[in-house]
Amino acid sequence: NPIALATKILNDAIIDYYRSSVRITKNEHLVAEM
């Protein structure tokens, strides 16, 4: 089932993207702007 395997790779890439954005966010200083 090629589409299922490709979708799993996509879901893993989405999780990796979230993880890397969290790592980047921890190093950023937020501005007090709503």
PDB file of all heavy atoms in Angstrom:
ATOM      1  N   ASN A   1       0.852  -1.182   0.000  1.00  0.00           N
ATOM      2  CA  ASN A   1       0.000   0.000   0.000  1.00  0.00           C
ATOM      3  C   ASN A   1       0.896   1.244   0.000  1.00  0.00           C
ATOM      4  O   ASN A   1       1.192   1.806   1.046  1.00  0.00           O
ATOM      5  CB  ASN A   1      -0.919  -0.022   1.228  1.00  0.00           C
ATOM      6  CG  ASN A   1      -1.997   1.028   1.158  1.00  0.00           C
ATOM      7  OD1 ASN A   1      -1.974   1.909   0.303  1.00  0.00           O
ATOM      8  ND2 ASN A   1      -2.942   0.929   2.065  1.00  0.00           N
ATOM      9  N   PRO A   2       1.330   1.682  -1.194  1.00  0.00           N
ATOM     10  CA  PRO A   2       2.293   2.785  -1.260  1.00  0.00           C
ATOM     11  C   PRO A   2       1.794   4.089  -0.637  1.00  0.00           C
ATOM     12  O   PRO A   2       2.560   4.790   0.024  1.00  0.00           O
ATOM     13  CB  PRO A   2       2.533   2.969  -2.766  1.00  0.00           C
ATOM     14  CG  PRO A   2       2.021   1.757  -3.420  1.00  0.00           C
ATOM     15  CD  PRO A   2       1.019   1.153  -2.509  1.00  0.00           C
ATOM     16  N   ILE A   3       0.529   4.421  -0.821  1.00  0.00           N
ATOM     17  CA  ILE A   3       0.008   5.687  -0.293  1.00  0.00           C
ATOM     18  C   ILE A   3      -0.006   5.671   1.231  1.00  0.00           C
ATOM     19  O   ILE A   3       0.241   6.691   1.872  1.00  0.00           O
ATOM     20  CB  ILE A   3      -1.378   6.034  -0.878  1.00  0.00           C
ATOM     21  CG1 ILE A   3      -1.804   7.442  -0.509  1.00  0.00           C
ATOM     22  CG2 ILE A   3      -2.425   5.045  -0.447  1.00  0.00           C
ATOM     23  CD1 ILE A   3      -1.059   8.515  -1.196  1.00  0.00           C
ATOM     24  N   ALA A   4      -0.256   4.515   1.829  1.00  0.00           N
ATOM     25  CA  ALA A   4      -0.242   4.422   3.291  1.00  0.00           C
ATOM     26  C   ALA A   4       1.170   4.644   3.829  1.00  0.00           C
ATOM     27  O   ALA A   4       1.358   5.363   4.820  1.00  0.00           O
ATOM     28  CB  ALA A   4      -0.772   3.067   3.740  1.00  0.00           C
ATOM     29  N   LEU A   5       2.158   4.059   3.170  1.00  0.00           N
ATOM     30  CA  LEU A   5       3.545   4.251   3.596  1.00  0.00           C
ATOM     31  C   LEU A   5       3.965   5.704   3.407  1.00  0.00           C
ATOM     32  O   LEU A   5       4.606   6.296   4.281  1.00  0.00           O
ATOM     33  CB  LEU A   5       4.476   3.314   2.821  1.00  0.00           C
ATOM     34  CG  LEU A   5       5.951   3.367   3.179  1.00  0.00           C
ATOM     35  CD1 LEU A   5       6.173   3.115   4.674  1.00  0.00           C
ATOM     36  CD2 LEU A   5       6.727   2.365   2.354  1.00  0.00           C
ATOM     37  N   ALA A   6       3.577   6.301   2.286  1.00  0.00           N
ATOM     38  CA  ALA A   6       3.910   7.703   2.031  1.00  0.00           C
ATOM     39  C   ALA A   6       3.227   8.615   3.050  1.00  0.00           C
ATOM     40  O   ALA A   6       3.820   9.596   3.515  1.00  0.00           O
ATOM     41  CB  ALA A   6       3.508   8.088   0.611  1.00  0.00           C
ATOM     42  N   THR A   7       1.997   8.311   3.415  1.00  0.00           N
ATOM     43  CA  THR A   7       1.284   9.108   4.414  1.00  0.00           C
ATOM     44  C   THR A   7       1.943   8.986   5.780  1.00  0.00           C
ATOM     45  O   THR A   7       2.022   9.955   6.530  1.00  0.00           O
ATOM     46  CB  THR A   7      -0.196   8.680   4.489  1.00  0.00           C
ATOM     47  OG1 THR A   7      -0.757   8.776   3.188  1.00  0.00           O
ATOM     48  CG2 THR A   7      -0.974   9.557   5.437  1.00  0.00           C
ATOM     49  N   LYS A   8       2.453   7.797   6.093  1.00  0.00           N
ATOM     50  CA  LYS A   8       3.174   7.632   7.358  1.00  0.00           C
ATOM     51  C   LYS A   8       4.445   8.481   7.360  1.00  0.00           C
ATOM     52  O   LYS A   8       4.757   9.131   8.354  1.00  0.00           O
ATOM     53  CB  LYS A   8       3.529   6.169   7.598  1.00  0.00           C
ATOM     54  CG  LYS A   8       4.209   5.979   8.945  1.00  0.00           C
ATOM     55  CD  LYS A   8       4.719   4.593   9.150  1.00  0.00           C
ATOM     56  CE  LYS A   8       5.422   4.398  10.457  1.00  0.00           C
ATOM     57  NZ  LYS A   8       6.173   5.505  10.993  1.00  0.00           N
ATOM     58  N   ILE A   9       5.141   8.509   6.237  1.00  0.00           N
ATOM     59  CA  ILE A   9       6.340   9.355   6.126  1.00  0.00           C
ATOM     60  C   ILE A   9       5.950  10.818   6.297  1.00  0.00           C
ATOM     61  O   ILE A   9       6.637  11.581   6.973  1.00  0.00           O
ATOM     62  CB  ILE A   9       7.054   9.098   4.785  1.00  0.00           C
ATOM     63  CG1 ILE A   9       7.671   7.699   4.780  1.00  0.00           C
ATOM     64  CG2 ILE A   9       8.117  10.161   4.525  1.00  0.00           C
ATOM     65  CD1 ILE A   9       8.219   7.258   3.434  1.00  0.00           C
ATOM     66  N   LEU A  10       4.828  11.222   5.693  1.00  0.00           N
ATOM     67  CA  LEU A  10       4.352  12.598   5.831  1.00  0.00           C
ATOM     68  C   LEU A  10       4.023  12.914   7.285  1.00  0.00           C
ATOM     69  O   LEU A  10       4.408  13.965   7.806  1.00  0.00           O
ATOM     70  CB  LEU A  10       3.134  12.840   4.949  1.00  0.00           C
ATOM     71  CG  LEU A  10       2.456  14.200   5.105  1.00  0.00           C
ATOM     72  CD1 LEU A  10       3.409  15.324   4.708  1.00  0.00           C
ATOM     73  CD2 LEU A  10       1.188  14.261   4.291  1.00  0.00           C
ATOM     74  N   ASN A  11       3.312  12.014   7.962  1.00  0.00           N
ATOM     75  CA  ASN A  11       2.972  12.238   9.371  1.00  0.00           C
ATOM     76  C   ASN A  11       4.233  12.350  10.227  1.00  0.00           C
ATOM     77  O   ASN A  11       4.297  13.182  11.135  1.00  0.00           O
ATOM     78  CB  ASN A  11       2.056  11.131   9.884  1.00  0.00           C
ATOM     79  CG  ASN A  11       0.656  11.257   9.332  1.00  0.00           C
ATOM     80  OD1 ASN A  11       0.188  12.346   9.026  1.00  0.00           O
ATOM     81  ND2 ASN A  11      -0.024  10.133   9.183  1.00  0.00           N
ATOM     82  N   ASP A  12       5.232  11.531   9.942  1.00  0.00           N
ATOM     83  CA  ASP A  12       6.503  11.624  10.666  1.00  0.00           C
ATOM     84  C   ASP A  12       7.188  12.966  10.401  1.00  0.00           C
ATOM     85  O   ASP A  12       7.768  13.571  11.309  1.00  0.00           O
ATOM     86  CB  ASP A  12       7.435  10.479  10.282  1.00  0.00           C
ATOM     87  CG  ASP A  12       6.934   9.130  10.774  1.00  0.00           C
ATOM     88  OD1 ASP A  12       6.036   9.101  11.642  1.00  0.00           O
ATOM     89  OD2 ASP A  12       7.432   8.096  10.275  1.00  0.00           O
ATOM     90  N   ALA A  13       7.111  13.446   9.150  1.00  0.00           N
ATOM     91  CA  ALA A  13       7.711  14.747   8.809  1.00  0.00           C
ATOM     92  C   ALA A  13       6.993  15.884   9.530  1.00  0.00           C
ATOM     93  O   ALA A  13       7.627  16.847   9.964  1.00  0.00           O
ATOM     94  CB  ALA A  13       7.671  14.972   7.297  1.00  0.00           C
ATOM     95  N   ILE A  14       5.677  15.775   9.682  1.00  0.00           N
ATOM     96  CA  ILE A  14       4.909  16.799  10.400  1.00  0.00           C
ATOM     97  C   ILE A  14       5.327  16.822  11.873  1.00  0.00           C
ATOM     98  O   ILE A  14       5.550  17.888  12.454  1.00  0.00           O
ATOM     99  CB  ILE A  14       3.394  16.560  10.245  1.00  0.00           C
ATOM    100  CG1 ILE A  14       2.970  16.849   8.800  1.00  0.00           C
ATOM    101  CG2 ILE A  14       2.596  17.408  11.217  1.00  0.00           C
ATOM    102  CD1 ILE A  14       1.560  16.411   8.463  1.00  0.00           C
ATOM    103  N   ILE A  15       5.472  15.649  12.463  1.00  0.00           N
ATOM    104  CA  ILE A  15       5.903  15.564  13.865  1.00  0.00           C
ATOM    105  C   ILE A  15       7.309  16.142  14.013  1.00  0.00           C
ATOM    106  O   ILE A  15       7.580  16.905  14.945  1.00  0.00           O
ATOM    107  CB  ILE A  15       5.835  14.105  14.362  1.00  0.00           C
ATOM    108  CG1 ILE A  15       4.375  13.668  14.478  1.00  0.00           C
ATOM    109  CG2 ILE A  15       6.557  13.944  15.701  1.00  0.00           C
ATOM    110  CD1 ILE A  15       4.187  12.178  14.695  1.00  0.00           C
ATOM    111  N   ASP A  16       8.198  15.797  13.089  1.00  0.00           N
ATOM    112  CA  ASP A  16       9.557  16.343  13.133  1.00  0.00           C
ATOM    113  C   ASP A  16       9.537  17.864  12.992  1.00  0.00           C
ATOM    114  O   ASP A  16      10.318  18.563  13.638  1.00  0.00           O
ATOM    115  CB  ASP A  16      10.429  15.740  12.030  1.00  0.00           C
ATOM    116  CG  ASP A  16      10.775  14.291  12.297  1.00  0.00           C
ATOM    117  OD1 ASP A  16      10.614  13.835  13.448  1.00  0.00           O
ATOM    118  OD2 ASP A  16      11.204  13.609  11.342  1.00  0.00           O
ATOM    119  N   TYR A  17       8.666  18.377  12.144  1.00  0.00           N
ATOM    120  CA  TYR A  17       8.567  19.822  11.952  1.00  0.00           C
ATOM    121  C   TYR A  17       8.122  20.490  13.251  1.00  0.00           C
ATOM    122  O   TYR A  17       8.679  21.511  13.648  1.00  0.00           O
ATOM    123  CB  TYR A  17       7.588  20.145  10.825  1.00  0.00           C
ATOM    124  CG  TYR A  17       7.590  21.597  10.447  1.00  0.00           C
ATOM    125  CD1 TYR A  17       8.527  22.096   9.563  1.00  0.00           C
ATOM    126  CD2 TYR A  17       6.685  22.486  11.011  1.00  0.00           C
ATOM    127  CE1 TYR A  17       8.557  23.431   9.223  1.00  0.00           C
ATOM    128  CE2 TYR A  17       6.702  23.829  10.689  1.00  0.00           C
ATOM    129  CZ  TYR A  17       7.638  24.298   9.786  1.00  0.00           C
ATOM    130  OH  TYR A  17       7.666  25.628   9.464  1.00  0.00           O
ATOM    131  N   TYR A  18       7.118  19.886  13.921  1.00  0.00           N
ATOM    132  CA  TYR A  18       6.682  20.425  15.211  1.00  0.00           C
ATOM    133  C   TYR A  18       7.810  20.390  16.231  1.00  0.00           C
ATOM    134  O   TYR A  18       8.024  21.343  16.981  1.00  0.00           O
ATOM    135  CB  TYR A  18       5.485  19.649  15.754  1.00  0.00           C
ATOM    136  CG  TYR A  18       4.157  20.070  15.191  1.00  0.00           C
ATOM    137  CD1 TYR A  18       3.242  19.122  14.761  1.00  0.00           C
ATOM    138  CD2 TYR A  18       3.795  21.404  15.108  1.00  0.00           C
ATOM    139  CE1 TYR A  18       2.011  19.497  14.252  1.00  0.00           C
ATOM    140  CE2 TYR A  18       2.572  21.788  14.610  1.00  0.00           C
ATOM    141  CZ  TYR A  18       1.671  20.832  14.179  1.00  0.00           C
ATOM    142  OH  TYR A  18       0.460  21.209  13.685  1.00  0.00           O
ATOM    143  N   ARG A  19       8.541  19.286  16.281  1.00  0.00           N
ATOM    144  CA  ARG A  19       9.643  19.171  17.246  1.00  0.00           C
ATOM    145  C   ARG A  19      10.708  20.225  16.996  1.00  0.00           C
ATOM    146  O   ARG A  19      11.207  20.845  17.939  1.00  0.00           O
ATOM    147  CB  ARG A  19      10.267  17.776  17.166  1.00  0.00           C
ATOM    148  CG  ARG A  19       9.428  16.710  17.783  1.00  0.00           C
ATOM    149  CD  ARG A  19      10.079  15.368  17.660  1.00  0.00           C
ATOM    150  NE  ARG A  19       9.248  14.341  18.245  1.00  0.00           N
ATOM    151  CZ  ARG A  19       9.282  13.070  17.900  1.00  0.00           C
ATOM    152  NH1 ARG A  19      10.123  12.656  16.982  1.00  0.00           N
ATOM    153  NH2 ARG A  19       8.475  12.206  18.471  1.00  0.00           N
ATOM    154  N   SER A  20      11.080  20.415  15.734  1.00  0.00           N
ATOM    155  CA  SER A  20      12.124  21.409  15.450  1.00  0.00           C
ATOM    156  C   SER A  20      11.632  22.818  15.732  1.00  0.00           C
ATOM    157  O   SER A  20      12.399  23.658  16.203  1.00  0.00           O
ATOM    158  CB  SER A  20      12.610  21.285  14.004  1.00  0.00           C
ATOM    159  OG  SER A  20      11.587  21.631  13.113  1.00  0.00           O
ATOM    160  N   SER A  21      10.346  23.084  15.479  1.00  0.00           N
ATOM    161  CA  SER A  21       9.833  24.427  15.770  1.00  0.00           C
ATOM    162  C   SER A  21       9.791  24.683  17.273  1.00  0.00           C
ATOM    163  O   SER A  21      10.014  25.811  17.709  1.00  0.00           O
ATOM    164  CB  SER A  21       8.454  24.643  15.148  1.00  0.00           C
ATOM    165  OG  SER A  21       7.498  23.800  15.729  1.00  0.00           O
ATOM    166  N   VAL A  22       9.560  23.654  18.071  1.00  0.00           N
ATOM    167  CA  VAL A  22       9.586  23.809  19.527  1.00  0.00           C
ATOM    168  C   VAL A  22      11.007  24.108  19.984  1.00  0.00           C
ATOM    169  O   VAL A  22      11.225  24.979  20.824  1.00  0.00           O
ATOM    170  CB  VAL A  22       9.028  22.545  20.226  1.00  0.00           C
ATOM    171  CG1 VAL A  22       9.351  22.540  21.707  1.00  0.00           C
ATOM    172  CG2 VAL A  22       7.535  22.449  20.017  1.00  0.00           C
ATOM    173  N   ARG A  23      11.986  23.408  19.396  1.00  0.00           N
ATOM    174  CA  ARG A  23      13.380  23.671  19.755  1.00  0.00           C
ATOM    175  C   ARG A  23      13.767  25.100  19.410  1.00  0.00           C
ATOM    176  O   ARG A  23      14.448  25.772  20.175  1.00  0.00           O
ATOM    177  CB  ARG A  23      14.314  22.695  19.037  1.00  0.00           C
ATOM    178  CG  ARG A  23      14.448  21.394  19.756  1.00  0.00           C
ATOM    179  CD  ARG A  23      15.523  20.536  19.122  1.00  0.00           C
ATOM    180  NE  ARG A  23      14.913  19.248  18.855  1.00  0.00           N
ATOM    181  CZ  ARG A  23      14.717  18.711  17.673  1.00  0.00           C
ATOM    182  NH1 ARG A  23      15.144  19.315  16.601  1.00  0.00           N
ATOM    183  NH2 ARG A  23      14.129  17.559  17.541  1.00  0.00           N
ATOM    184  N   ILE A  24      13.335  25.564  18.250  1.00  0.00           N
ATOM    185  CA  ILE A  24      13.644  26.938  17.832  1.00  0.00           C
ATOM    186  C   ILE A  24      12.954  27.934  18.752  1.00  0.00           C
ATOM    187  O   ILE A  24      13.549  28.933  19.156  1.00  0.00           O
ATOM    188  CB  ILE A  24      13.225  27.152  16.359  1.00  0.00           C
ATOM    189  CG1 ILE A  24      14.136  26.345  15.440  1.00  0.00           C
ATOM    190  CG2 ILE A  24      13.253  28.626  15.991  1.00  0.00           C
ATOM    191  CD1 ILE A  24      13.654  26.273  14.005  1.00  0.00           C
ATOM    192  N   THR A  25      11.713  27.671  19.115  1.00  0.00           N
ATOM    193  CA  THR A  25      10.945  28.570  19.971  1.00  0.00           C
ATOM    194  C   THR A  25      11.585  28.711  21.340  1.00  0.00           C
ATOM    195  O   THR A  25      11.559  29.790  21.927  1.00  0.00           O
ATOM    196  CB  THR A  25       9.495  28.074  20.111  1.00  0.00           C
ATOM    197  OG1 THR A  25       8.940  27.943  18.810  1.00  0.00           O
ATOM    198  CG2 THR A  25       8.656  29.023  20.919  1.00  0.00           C
ATOM    199  N   LYS A  26      12.151  27.630  21.855  1.00  0.00           N
ATOM    200  CA  LYS A  26      12.794  27.708  23.170  1.00  0.00           C
ATOM    201  C   LYS A  26      13.970  28.673  23.166  1.00  0.00           C
ATOM    202  O   LYS A  26      14.324  29.226  24.191  1.00  0.00           O
ATOM    203  CB  LYS A  26      13.263  26.317  23.611  1.00  0.00           C
ATOM    204  CG  LYS A  26      12.144  25.429  24.062  1.00  0.00           C
ATOM    205  CD  LYS A  26      12.663  24.091  24.537  1.00  0.00           C
ATOM    206  CE  LYS A  26      11.520  23.210  24.992  1.00  0.00           C
ATOM    207  NZ  LYS A  26      11.976  21.891  25.405  1.00  0.00           N
ATOM    208  N   ASN A  27      14.585  28.863  22.003  1.00  0.00           N
ATOM    209  CA  ASN A  27      15.737  29.757  21.905  1.00  0.00           C
ATOM    210  C   ASN A  27      15.347  31.177  21.514  1.00  0.00           C
ATOM    211  O   ASN A  27      16.201  32.046  21.480  1.00  0.00           O
ATOM    212  CB  ASN A  27      16.742  29.210  20.890  1.00  0.00           C
ATOM    213  CG  ASN A  27      17.320  27.885  21.343  1.00  0.00           C
ATOM    214  OD1 ASN A  27      17.468  27.653  22.535  1.00  0.00           O
ATOM    215  ND2 ASN A  27      17.613  27.018  20.405  1.00  0.00           N
ATOM    216  N   GLU A  28      14.089  31.408  21.211  1.00  0.00           N
ATOM    217  CA  GLU A  28      13.644  32.743  20.833  1.00  0.00           C
ATOM    218  C   GLU A  28      13.150  33.497  22.052  1.00  0.00           C
ATOM    219  O   GLU A  28      12.687  32.913  23.019  1.00  0.00           O
ATOM    220  CB  GLU A  28      12.508  32.657  19.816  1.00  0.00           C
ATOM    221  CG  GLU A  28      12.935  32.138  18.470  1.00  0.00           C
ATOM    222  CD  GLU A  28      11.765  32.063  17.499  1.00  0.00           C
ATOM    223  OE1 GLU A  28      10.616  32.300  17.912  1.00  0.00           O
ATOM    224  OE2 GLU A  28      12.019  31.765  16.331  1.00  0.00           O
ATOM    225  N   HIS A  29      13.248  34.807  21.981  1.00  0.00           N
ATOM    226  CA  HIS A  29      12.717  35.651  23.031  1.00  0.00           C
ATOM    227  C   HIS A  29      11.448  36.292  22.498  1.00  0.00           C
ATOM    228  O   HIS A  29      11.470  36.981  21.478  1.00  0.00           O
ATOM    229  CB  HIS A  29      13.737  36.727  23.430  1.00  0.00           C
ATOM    230  CG  HIS A  29      15.003  36.125  23.962  1.00  0.00           C
ATOM    231  ND1 HIS A  29      15.079  35.552  25.198  1.00  0.00           N
ATOM    232  CD2 HIS A  29      16.222  35.971  23.399  1.00  0.00           C
ATOM    233  CE1 HIS A  29      16.293  35.089  25.393  1.00  0.00           C
ATOM    234  NE2 HIS A  29      17.011  35.324  24.304  1.00  0.00           N
ATOM    235  N   LEU A  30      10.363  36.045  23.192  1.00  0.00           N
ATOM    236  CA  LEU A  30       9.087  36.541  22.730  1.00  0.00           C
ATOM    237  C   LEU A  30       8.936  38.030  23.003  1.00  0.00           C
ATOM    238  O   LEU A  30       9.411  38.542  24.005  1.00  0.00           O
ATOM    239  CB  LEU A  30       7.949  35.775  23.404  1.00  0.00           C
ATOM    240  CG  LEU A  30       7.931  34.265  23.129  1.00  0.00           C
ATOM    241  CD1 LEU A  30       6.815  33.611  23.927  1.00  0.00           C
ATOM    242  CD2 LEU A  30       7.741  34.008  21.653  1.00  0.00           C
ATOM    243  N   VAL A  31       8.256  38.693  22.111  1.00  0.00           N
ATOM    244  CA  VAL A  31       7.987  40.115  22.246  1.00  0.00           C
ATOM    245  C   VAL A  31       6.613  40.258  22.887  1.00  0.00           C
ATOM    246  O   VAL A  31       5.692  39.508  22.589  1.00  0.00           O
ATOM    247  CB  VAL A  31       8.006  40.798  20.856  1.00  0.00           C
ATOM    248  CG1 VAL A  31       7.715  42.263  20.976  1.00  0.00           C
ATOM    249  CG2 VAL A  31       9.337  40.563  20.179  1.00  0.00           C
ATOM    250  N   ALA A  32       6.468  41.214  23.746  1.00  0.00           N
ATOM    251  CA  ALA A  32       5.189  41.422  24.431  1.00  0.00           C
ATOM    252  C   ALA A  32       4.204  42.099  23.479  1.00  0.00           C
ATOM    253  O   ALA A  32       3.872  43.265  23.614  1.00  0.00           O
ATOM    254  CB  ALA A  32       5.390  42.247  25.687  1.00  0.00           C
ATOM    255  N   GLU A  33       3.739  41.327  22.501  1.00  0.00           N
ATOM    256  CA  GLU A  33       2.775  41.866  21.545  1.00  0.00           C
ATOM    257  C   GLU A  33       1.660  40.844  21.391  1.00  0.00           C
ATOM    258  O   GLU A  33       1.903  39.677  21.073  1.00  0.00           O
ATOM    259  CB  GLU A  33       3.453  42.102  20.195  1.00  0.00           C
ATOM    260  CG  GLU A  33       2.534  42.680  19.160  1.00  0.00           C
ATOM    261  CD  GLU A  33       3.268  42.906  17.851  1.00  0.00           C
ATOM    262  OE1 GLU A  33       4.389  43.427  17.888  1.00  0.00           O
ATOM    263  OE2 GLU A  33       2.709  42.547  16.809  1.00  0.00           O
ATOM    264  N   MET A  34       0.453  41.267  21.630  1.00  0.00           N
ATOM    265  CA  MET A  34      -0.691  40.370  21.518  1.00  0.00           C
ATOM    266  C   MET A  34      -1.048  40.155  20.057  1.00  0.00           C
ATOM    267  O   MET A  34      -0.972  41.090  19.256  1.00  0.00           O
ATOM    268  CB  MET A  34      -1.905  40.975  22.245  1.00  0.00           C
ATOM    269  CG  MET A  34      -1.804  40.916  23.742  1.00  0.00           C
ATOM    270  SD  MET A  34      -1.840  39.225  24.357  1.00  0.00           S
ATOM    271  CE  MET A  34      -3.512  38.765  23.979  1.00  0.00           C
TER     272      MET A  34
END
